Amino acid sequence: MSAFAYIDIEDIPANLRETSVERQDEIIVETTLIAFDGCPLVGEIWKHQRVHDGSEAIDVIYPFPRNAQIRNDLVAWFMNWGIHFRVVM
C-alpha cells in the first residue's frame, strides 16, 4: 500500500517558496515538480477545487517513504519549518 504526504502550499514559508525550483516533468504530462532547499524529496504540485467552497487549492504531494530514515528526515523537515502535513494511505 502506498502513502502520500500532502501539504498546502500556503503553509510553506514565503522565503522557502521563493528559493524553490519548479519544472515540468518530461514523462508525465501536465505534472509540475517542486524542490525546496533542504527537503529530502521532490514534491508534485496538485491544483484542485476545495470541496467546502469550490475555491482553488494548491497542495504539494510527496510519496511518504517506507524507509524509516528518509521518512523521519521528511517529517523533521516539515516540523523544522512549521509546515502542517497529512498522510493518506
C-alpha atoms as a PDB file:
ATOM      1  CA  MET A   1       0.000   0.000   0.000  1.00  0.00           C
ATOM      2  CA  SER A   2       1.287   3.468  -0.869  1.00  0.00           C
ATOM      3  CA  ALA A   3       1.050   6.516   1.350  1.00  0.00           C
ATOM      4  CA  PHE A   4       1.394  10.179   0.425  1.00  0.00           C
ATOM      5  CA  ALA A   5       2.068  13.306   2.474  1.00  0.00           C
ATOM      6  CA  TYR A   6       0.070  16.396   1.484  1.00  0.00           C
ATOM      7  CA  ILE A   7       0.913  19.988   2.382  1.00  0.00           C
ATOM      8  CA  ASP A   8      -0.933  23.167   1.487  1.00  0.00           C
ATOM      9  CA  ILE A   9       1.430  25.423  -0.449  1.00  0.00           C
ATOM     10  CA  GLU A  10       0.247  28.341   1.706  1.00  0.00           C
ATOM     11  CA  ASP A  11       1.735  26.594   4.773  1.00  0.00           C
ATOM     12  CA  ILE A  12       5.221  26.806   3.272  1.00  0.00           C
ATOM     13  CA  PRO A  13       7.107  29.901   4.493  1.00  0.00           C
ATOM     14  CA  ALA A  14       7.429  32.584   1.813  1.00  0.00           C
ATOM     15  CA  ASN A  15      11.231  32.646   1.909  1.00  0.00           C
ATOM     16  CA  LEU A  16      11.304  28.887   1.268  1.00  0.00           C
ATOM     17  CA  ARG A  17       8.833  29.206  -1.633  1.00  0.00           C
ATOM     18  CA  GLU A  18      10.926  31.982  -3.168  1.00  0.00           C
ATOM     19  CA  THR A  19      14.004  29.755  -3.358  1.00  0.00           C
ATOM     20  CA  SER A  20      12.147  26.685  -4.635  1.00  0.00           C
ATOM     21  CA  VAL A  21      12.780  25.207  -8.069  1.00  0.00           C
ATOM     22  CA  GLU A  22       9.909  24.027 -10.285  1.00  0.00           C
ATOM     23  CA  ARG A  23       9.991  22.099 -13.534  1.00  0.00           C
ATOM     24  CA  GLN A  24       7.581  20.295 -15.797  1.00  0.00           C
ATOM     25  CA  ASP A  25       8.015  16.539 -15.745  1.00  0.00           C
ATOM     26  CA  GLU A  26       9.030  15.350 -19.219  1.00  0.00           C
ATOM     27  CA  ILE A  27       7.476  11.911 -18.830  1.00  0.00           C
ATOM     28  CA  ILE A  28       4.168  12.637 -17.100  1.00  0.00           C
ATOM     29  CA  VAL A  29       2.243  15.306 -18.993  1.00  0.00           C
ATOM     30  CA  GLU A  30       0.861  18.250 -17.000  1.00  0.00           C
ATOM     31  CA  THR A  31       2.865  17.424 -13.900  1.00  0.00           C
ATOM     32  CA  THR A  32       4.922  20.091 -12.173  1.00  0.00           C
ATOM     33  CA  LEU A  33       7.611  19.002  -9.752  1.00  0.00           C
ATOM     34  CA  ILE A  34       8.913  21.271  -6.984  1.00  0.00           C
ATOM     35  CA  ALA A  35      12.061  21.105  -4.864  1.00  0.00           C
ATOM     36  CA  PHE A  36      12.726  23.082  -1.691  1.00  0.00           C
ATOM     37  CA  ASP A  37      16.067  23.788  -0.044  1.00  0.00           C
ATOM     38  CA  GLY A  38      16.940  21.036   2.404  1.00  0.00           C
ATOM     39  CA  CYS A  39      13.911  18.862   1.648  1.00  0.00           C
ATOM     40  CA  PRO A  40      14.974  15.231   1.139  1.00  0.00           C
ATOM     41  CA  LEU A  41      12.337  14.601  -1.569  1.00  0.00           C
ATOM     42  CA  VAL A  42      10.888  16.336  -4.611  1.00  0.00           C
ATOM     43  CA  GLY A  43       7.148  17.038  -4.487  1.00  0.00           C
ATOM     44  CA  GLU A  44       4.428  17.282  -7.101  1.00  0.00           C
ATOM     45  CA  ILE A  45       2.183  20.335  -7.340  1.00  0.00           C
ATOM     46  CA  TRP A  46      -1.510  19.383  -7.323  1.00  0.00           C
ATOM     47  CA  LYS A  47      -4.142  22.001  -8.146  1.00  0.00           C
ATOM     48  CA  HIS A  48      -7.705  21.114  -7.188  1.00  0.00           C
ATOM     49  CA  GLN A  49     -11.021  22.572  -6.031  1.00  0.00           C
ATOM     50  CA  ARG A  50     -11.864  22.695  -2.334  1.00  0.00           C
ATOM     51  CA  VAL A  51     -14.970  20.698  -1.517  1.00  0.00           C
ATOM     52  CA  HIS A  52     -16.478  23.105   1.014  1.00  0.00           C
ATOM     53  CA  ASP A  53     -16.341  26.327  -1.024  1.00  0.00           C
ATOM     54  CA  GLY A  54     -15.171  25.434  -4.535  1.00  0.00           C
ATOM     55  CA  SER A  55     -12.114  27.692  -4.382  1.00  0.00           C
ATOM     56  CA  GLU A  56      -8.840  26.595  -5.936  1.00  0.00           C
ATOM     57  CA  ALA A  57      -6.300  24.954  -3.652  1.00  0.00           C
ATOM     58  CA  ILE A  58      -2.696  24.056  -4.351  1.00  0.00           C
ATOM     59  CA  ASP A  59      -1.089  21.175  -2.488  1.00  0.00           C
ATOM     60  CA  VAL A  60       2.362  19.677  -2.723  1.00  0.00           C
ATOM     61  CA  ILE A  61       2.303  15.880  -2.647  1.00  0.00           C
ATOM     62  CA  TYR A  62       5.208  13.726  -1.517  1.00  0.00           C
ATOM     63  CA  PRO A  63       5.456   9.951  -1.530  1.00  0.00           C
ATOM     64  CA  PHE A  64       5.592   9.010   2.165  1.00  0.00           C
ATOM     65  CA  PRO A  65       8.636   6.732   2.349  1.00  0.00           C
ATOM     66  CA  ARG A  66       8.594   3.248   3.820  1.00  0.00           C
ATOM     67  CA  ASN A  67      12.278   3.659   4.622  1.00  0.00           C
ATOM     68  CA  ALA A  68      12.345   4.914   8.212  1.00  0.00           C
ATOM     69  CA  GLN A  69      15.371   7.203   7.806  1.00  0.00           C
ATOM     70  CA  ILE A  70      14.012   9.016   4.726  1.00  0.00           C
ATOM     71  CA  ARG A  71      10.546   9.229   6.300  1.00  0.00           C
ATOM     72  CA  ASN A  72      11.997  10.673   9.518  1.00  0.00           C
ATOM     73  CA  ASP A  73      14.066  13.183   7.511  1.00  0.00           C
ATOM     74  CA  LEU A  74      10.978  14.332   5.615  1.00  0.00           C
ATOM     75  CA  VAL A  75       8.882  14.695   8.787  1.00  0.00           C
ATOM     76  CA  ALA A  76      11.763  16.513  10.529  1.00  0.00           C
ATOM     77  CA  TRP A  77      11.985  18.947   7.593  1.00  0.00           C
ATOM     78  CA  PHE A  78       8.219  19.640   7.785  1.00  0.00           C
ATOM     79  CA  MET A  79       8.424  20.197  11.539  1.00  0.00           C
ATOM     80  CA  ASN A  80      11.558  22.352  11.319  1.00  0.00           C
ATOM     81  CA  TRP A  81       9.724  24.764   9.002  1.00  0.00           C
ATOM     82  CA  GLY A  82       6.402  24.546  10.882  1.00  0.00           C
ATOM     83  CA  ILE A  83       4.638  23.012   7.888  1.00  0.00           C
ATOM     84  CA  HIS A  84       1.371  21.210   8.617  1.00  0.00           C
ATOM     85  CA  PHE A  85       1.003  17.932   6.724  1.00  0.00           C
ATOM     86  CA  ARG A  86      -1.338  14.999   6.448  1.00  0.00           C
ATOM     87  CA  VAL A  87      -0.568  11.448   5.385  1.00  0.00           C
ATOM     88  CA  VAL A  88      -3.125   9.495   3.363  1.00  0.00           C
ATOM     89  CA  MET A  89      -2.935   5.813   2.533  1.00  0.00           C
END
